[in-house]
């Protein structure tokens, strides 16, 4: 029997779905220097 069939797991999934759907798509970052990177250029 898979764990996803347990009532407590089903309820946890139902509760988490709106939270997961509301996540931001992400944050875009730009490296400005570091090991293996060239020095940052002036913008």
PDB file of N, CA and C in Angstrom:
ATOM      1  N   UNK A   1       0.852  -1.185   0.000  1.00  0.00           N
ATOM      2  CA  UNK A   1       0.000   0.000   0.000  1.00  0.00           C
ATOM      3  C   UNK A   1       0.891   1.240   0.000  1.00  0.00           C
ATOM      4  N   UNK A   2       0.680   2.147  -0.951  1.00  0.00           N
ATOM      5  CA  UNK A   2       1.465   3.367  -1.017  1.00  0.00           C
ATOM      6  C   UNK A   2       1.089   4.340   0.084  1.00  0.00           C
ATOM      7  N   UNK A   3       2.030   5.091   0.507  1.00  0.00           N
ATOM      8  CA  UNK A   3       1.794   6.056   1.591  1.00  0.00           C
ATOM      9  C   UNK A   3       0.840   7.164   1.184  1.00  0.00           C
ATOM     10  N   UNK A   4       0.778   7.461  -0.103  1.00  0.00           N
ATOM     11  CA  UNK A   4      -0.129   8.523  -0.550  1.00  0.00           C
ATOM     12  C   UNK A   4      -1.587   8.145  -0.394  1.00  0.00           C
ATOM     13  N   UNK A   5      -1.875   6.884  -0.104  1.00  0.00           N
ATOM     14  CA  UNK A   5      -3.262   6.481   0.090  1.00  0.00           C
ATOM     15  C   UNK A   5      -3.700   6.628   1.545  1.00  0.00           C
ATOM     16  N   UNK A   6      -2.766   6.899   2.451  1.00  0.00           N
ATOM     17  CA  UNK A   6      -3.131   7.086   3.852  1.00  0.00           C
ATOM     18  C   UNK A   6      -3.918   8.386   3.996  1.00  0.00           C
ATOM     19  N   UNK A   7      -4.991   8.387   4.780  1.00  0.00           N
ATOM     20  CA  UNK A   7      -5.814   9.589   4.937  1.00  0.00           C
ATOM     21  C   UNK A   7      -5.016  10.799   5.429  1.00  0.00           C
ATOM     22  N   UNK A   8      -4.089  10.606   6.339  1.00  0.00           N
ATOM     23  CA  UNK A   8      -3.314  11.740   6.854  1.00  0.00           C
ATOM     24  C   UNK A   8      -2.429  12.344   5.769  1.00  0.00           C
ATOM     25  N   UNK A   9      -1.893  11.513   4.885  1.00  0.00           N
ATOM     26  CA  UNK A   9      -1.052  12.011   3.798  1.00  0.00           C
ATOM     27  C   UNK A   9      -1.912  12.737   2.774  1.00  0.00           C
ATOM     28  N   UNK A  10      -3.064  12.176   2.456  1.00  0.00           N
ATOM     29  CA  UNK A  10      -3.978  12.840   1.522  1.00  0.00           C
ATOM     30  C   UNK A  10      -4.356  14.226   2.034  1.00  0.00           C
ATOM     31  N   UNK A  11      -4.641  14.346   3.331  1.00  0.00           N
ATOM     32  CA  UNK A  11      -5.023  15.636   3.910  1.00  0.00           C
ATOM     33  C   UNK A  11      -3.850  16.608   3.874  1.00  0.00           C
ATOM     34  N   UNK A  12      -2.665  16.122   4.141  1.00  0.00           N
ATOM     35  CA  UNK A  12      -1.485  16.992   4.090  1.00  0.00           C
ATOM     36  C   UNK A  12      -1.269  17.531   2.677  1.00  0.00           C
ATOM     37  N   UNK A  13      -1.476  16.699   1.675  1.00  0.00           N
ATOM     38  CA  UNK A  13      -1.329  17.128   0.284  1.00  0.00           C
ATOM     39  C   UNK A  13      -2.378  18.180  -0.056  1.00  0.00           C
ATOM     40  N   UNK A  14      -3.627  17.944   0.348  1.00  0.00           N
ATOM     41  CA  UNK A  14      -4.706  18.902   0.081  1.00  0.00           C
ATOM     42  C   UNK A  14      -4.396  20.244   0.750  1.00  0.00           C
ATOM     43  N   UNK A  15      -3.864  20.193   1.966  1.00  0.00           N
ATOM     44  CA  UNK A  15      -3.552  21.419   2.700  1.00  0.00           C
ATOM     45  C   UNK A  15      -2.379  22.159   2.049  1.00  0.00           C
ATOM     46  N   UNK A  16      -1.391  21.436   1.552  1.00  0.00           N
ATOM     47  CA  UNK A  16      -0.180  22.052   1.008  1.00  0.00           C
ATOM     48  C   UNK A  16      -0.351  22.599  -0.400  1.00  0.00           C
ATOM     49  N   UNK A  17      -1.270  22.066  -1.168  1.00  0.00           N
ATOM     50  CA  UNK A  17      -1.409  22.464  -2.573  1.00  0.00           C
ATOM     51  C   UNK A  17      -1.551  23.978  -2.768  1.00  0.00           C
ATOM     52  N   UNK A  18      -2.437  24.674  -2.046  1.00  0.00           N
ATOM     53  CA  UNK A  18      -2.545  26.128  -2.256  1.00  0.00           C
ATOM     54  C   UNK A  18      -1.261  26.867  -1.872  1.00  0.00           C
ATOM     55  N   UNK A  19      -0.563  26.382  -0.871  1.00  0.00           N
ATOM     56  CA  UNK A  19       0.694  27.022  -0.471  1.00  0.00           C
ATOM     57  C   UNK A  19       1.736  26.879  -1.570  1.00  0.00           C
ATOM     58  N   UNK A  20       1.828  25.686  -2.136  1.00  0.00           N
ATOM     59  CA  UNK A  20       2.795  25.431  -3.197  1.00  0.00           C
ATOM     60  C   UNK A  20       2.435  26.238  -4.444  1.00  0.00           C
ATOM     61  N   UNK A  21       1.161  26.327  -4.768  1.00  0.00           N
ATOM     62  CA  UNK A  21       0.722  27.066  -5.949  1.00  0.00           C
ATOM     63  C   UNK A  21       1.019  28.551  -5.816  1.00  0.00           C
ATOM     64  N   UNK A  22       1.095  29.057  -4.584  1.00  0.00           N
ATOM     65  CA  UNK A  22       1.340  30.471  -4.359  1.00  0.00           C
ATOM     66  C   UNK A  22       2.805  30.864  -4.334  1.00  0.00           C
ATOM     67  N   UNK A  23       3.731  29.909  -4.512  1.00  0.00           N
ATOM     68  CA  UNK A  23       5.151  30.231  -4.507  1.00  0.00           C
ATOM     69  C   UNK A  23       5.482  31.149  -5.672  1.00  0.00           C
ATOM     70  N   UNK A  24       6.421  32.062  -5.445  1.00  0.00           N
ATOM     71  CA  UNK A  24       6.939  32.866  -6.543  1.00  0.00           C
ATOM     72  C   UNK A  24       7.729  31.961  -7.476  1.00  0.00           C
ATOM     73  N   UNK A  25       7.794  32.315  -8.750  1.00  0.00           N
ATOM     74  CA  UNK A  25       8.519  31.462  -9.684  1.00  0.00           C
ATOM     75  C   UNK A  25      10.014  31.389  -9.384  1.00  0.00           C
ATOM     76  N   UNK A  26      10.526  32.333  -8.660  1.00  0.00           N
ATOM     77  CA  UNK A  26      11.946  32.296  -8.317  1.00  0.00           C
ATOM     78  C   UNK A  26      12.554  33.675  -8.341  1.00  0.00           C
ATOM     79  N   UNK A  27      13.793  33.734  -8.001  1.00  0.00           N
ATOM     80  CA  UNK A  27      14.520  34.992  -7.993  1.00  0.00           C
ATOM     81  C   UNK A  27      15.693  34.868  -8.951  1.00  0.00           C
ATOM     82  N   UNK A  28      15.849  35.861  -9.803  1.00  0.00           N
ATOM     83  CA  UNK A  28      16.952  35.874 -10.748  1.00  0.00           C
ATOM     84  C   UNK A  28      18.104  36.629 -10.106  1.00  0.00           C
ATOM     85  N   UNK A  29      19.265  36.020 -10.083  1.00  0.00           N
ATOM     86  CA  UNK A  29      20.447  36.678  -9.531  1.00  0.00           C
ATOM     87  C   UNK A  29      21.524  36.778 -10.593  1.00  0.00           C
ATOM     88  N   UNK A  30      22.410  37.742 -10.421  1.00  0.00           N
ATOM     89  CA  UNK A  30      23.521  37.941 -11.330  1.00  0.00           C
ATOM     90  C   UNK A  30      24.808  37.891 -10.527  1.00  0.00           C
ATOM     91  N   UNK A  31      25.663  36.924 -10.788  1.00  0.00           N
ATOM     92  CA  UNK A  31      26.925  36.884 -10.067  1.00  0.00           C
ATOM     93  C   UNK A  31      27.775  38.101 -10.420  1.00  0.00           C
ATOM     94  N   UNK A  32      28.424  38.688  -9.432  1.00  0.00           N
ATOM     95  CA  UNK A  32      29.240  39.881  -9.658  1.00  0.00           C
ATOM     96  C   UNK A  32      30.720  39.590  -9.491  1.00  0.00           C
ATOM     97  N   UNK A  33      31.079  38.388  -9.174  1.00  0.00           N
ATOM     98  CA  UNK A  33      32.476  38.016  -9.042  1.00  0.00           C
ATOM     99  C   UNK A  33      32.594  36.783  -8.178  1.00  0.00           C
ATOM    100  N   UNK A  34      33.762  36.248  -8.129  1.00  0.00           N
ATOM    101  CA  UNK A  34      33.983  35.081  -7.309  1.00  0.00           C
ATOM    102  C   UNK A  34      34.961  34.142  -7.974  1.00  0.00           C
ATOM    103  N   UNK A  35      35.219  33.054  -7.334  1.00  0.00           N
ATOM    104  CA  UNK A  35      36.184  32.077  -7.838  1.00  0.00           C
ATOM    105  C   UNK A  35      35.731  31.555  -9.203  1.00  0.00           C
ATOM    106  N   UNK A  36      36.581  31.697 -10.174  1.00  0.00           N
ATOM    107  CA  UNK A  36      36.281  31.189 -11.504  1.00  0.00           C
ATOM    108  C   UNK A  36      35.522  32.162 -12.384  1.00  0.00           C
ATOM    109  N   UNK A  37      35.203  33.350 -11.860  1.00  0.00           N
ATOM    110  CA  UNK A  37      34.480  34.346 -12.651  1.00  0.00           C
ATOM    111  C   UNK A  37      35.392  35.531 -12.941  1.00  0.00           C
ATOM    112  N   UNK A  38      35.212  36.147 -14.091  1.00  0.00           N
ATOM    113  CA  UNK A  38      35.959  37.370 -14.413  1.00  0.00           C
ATOM    114  C   UNK A  38      35.466  38.499 -13.519  1.00  0.00           C
ATOM    115  N   UNK A  39      36.265  39.540 -13.382  1.00  0.00           N
ATOM    116  CA  UNK A  39      35.844  40.700 -12.598  1.00  0.00           C
ATOM    117  C   UNK A  39      34.591  41.304 -13.216  1.00  0.00           C
ATOM    118  N   UNK A  40      33.732  41.838 -12.369  1.00  0.00           N
ATOM    119  CA  UNK A  40      32.472  42.418 -12.831  1.00  0.00           C
ATOM    120  C   UNK A  40      32.760  43.642 -13.708  1.00  0.00           C
ATOM    121  N   UNK A  41      31.947  43.798 -14.749  1.00  0.00           N
ATOM    122  CA  UNK A  41      32.073  44.941 -15.650  1.00  0.00           C
ATOM    123  C   UNK A  41      31.211  46.078 -15.123  1.00  0.00           C
ATOM    124  N   UNK A  42      31.611  47.324 -15.398  1.00  0.00           N
ATOM    125  CA  UNK A  42      30.790  48.477 -15.032  1.00  0.00           C
ATOM    126  C   UNK A  42      29.528  48.470 -15.857  1.00  0.00           C
ATOM    127  N   UNK A  43      28.461  48.881 -15.242  1.00  0.00           N
ATOM    128  CA  UNK A  43      27.185  48.894 -15.984  1.00  0.00           C
ATOM    129  C   UNK A  43      26.831  50.261 -16.444  1.00  0.00           C
TER     130      UNK A  43
END
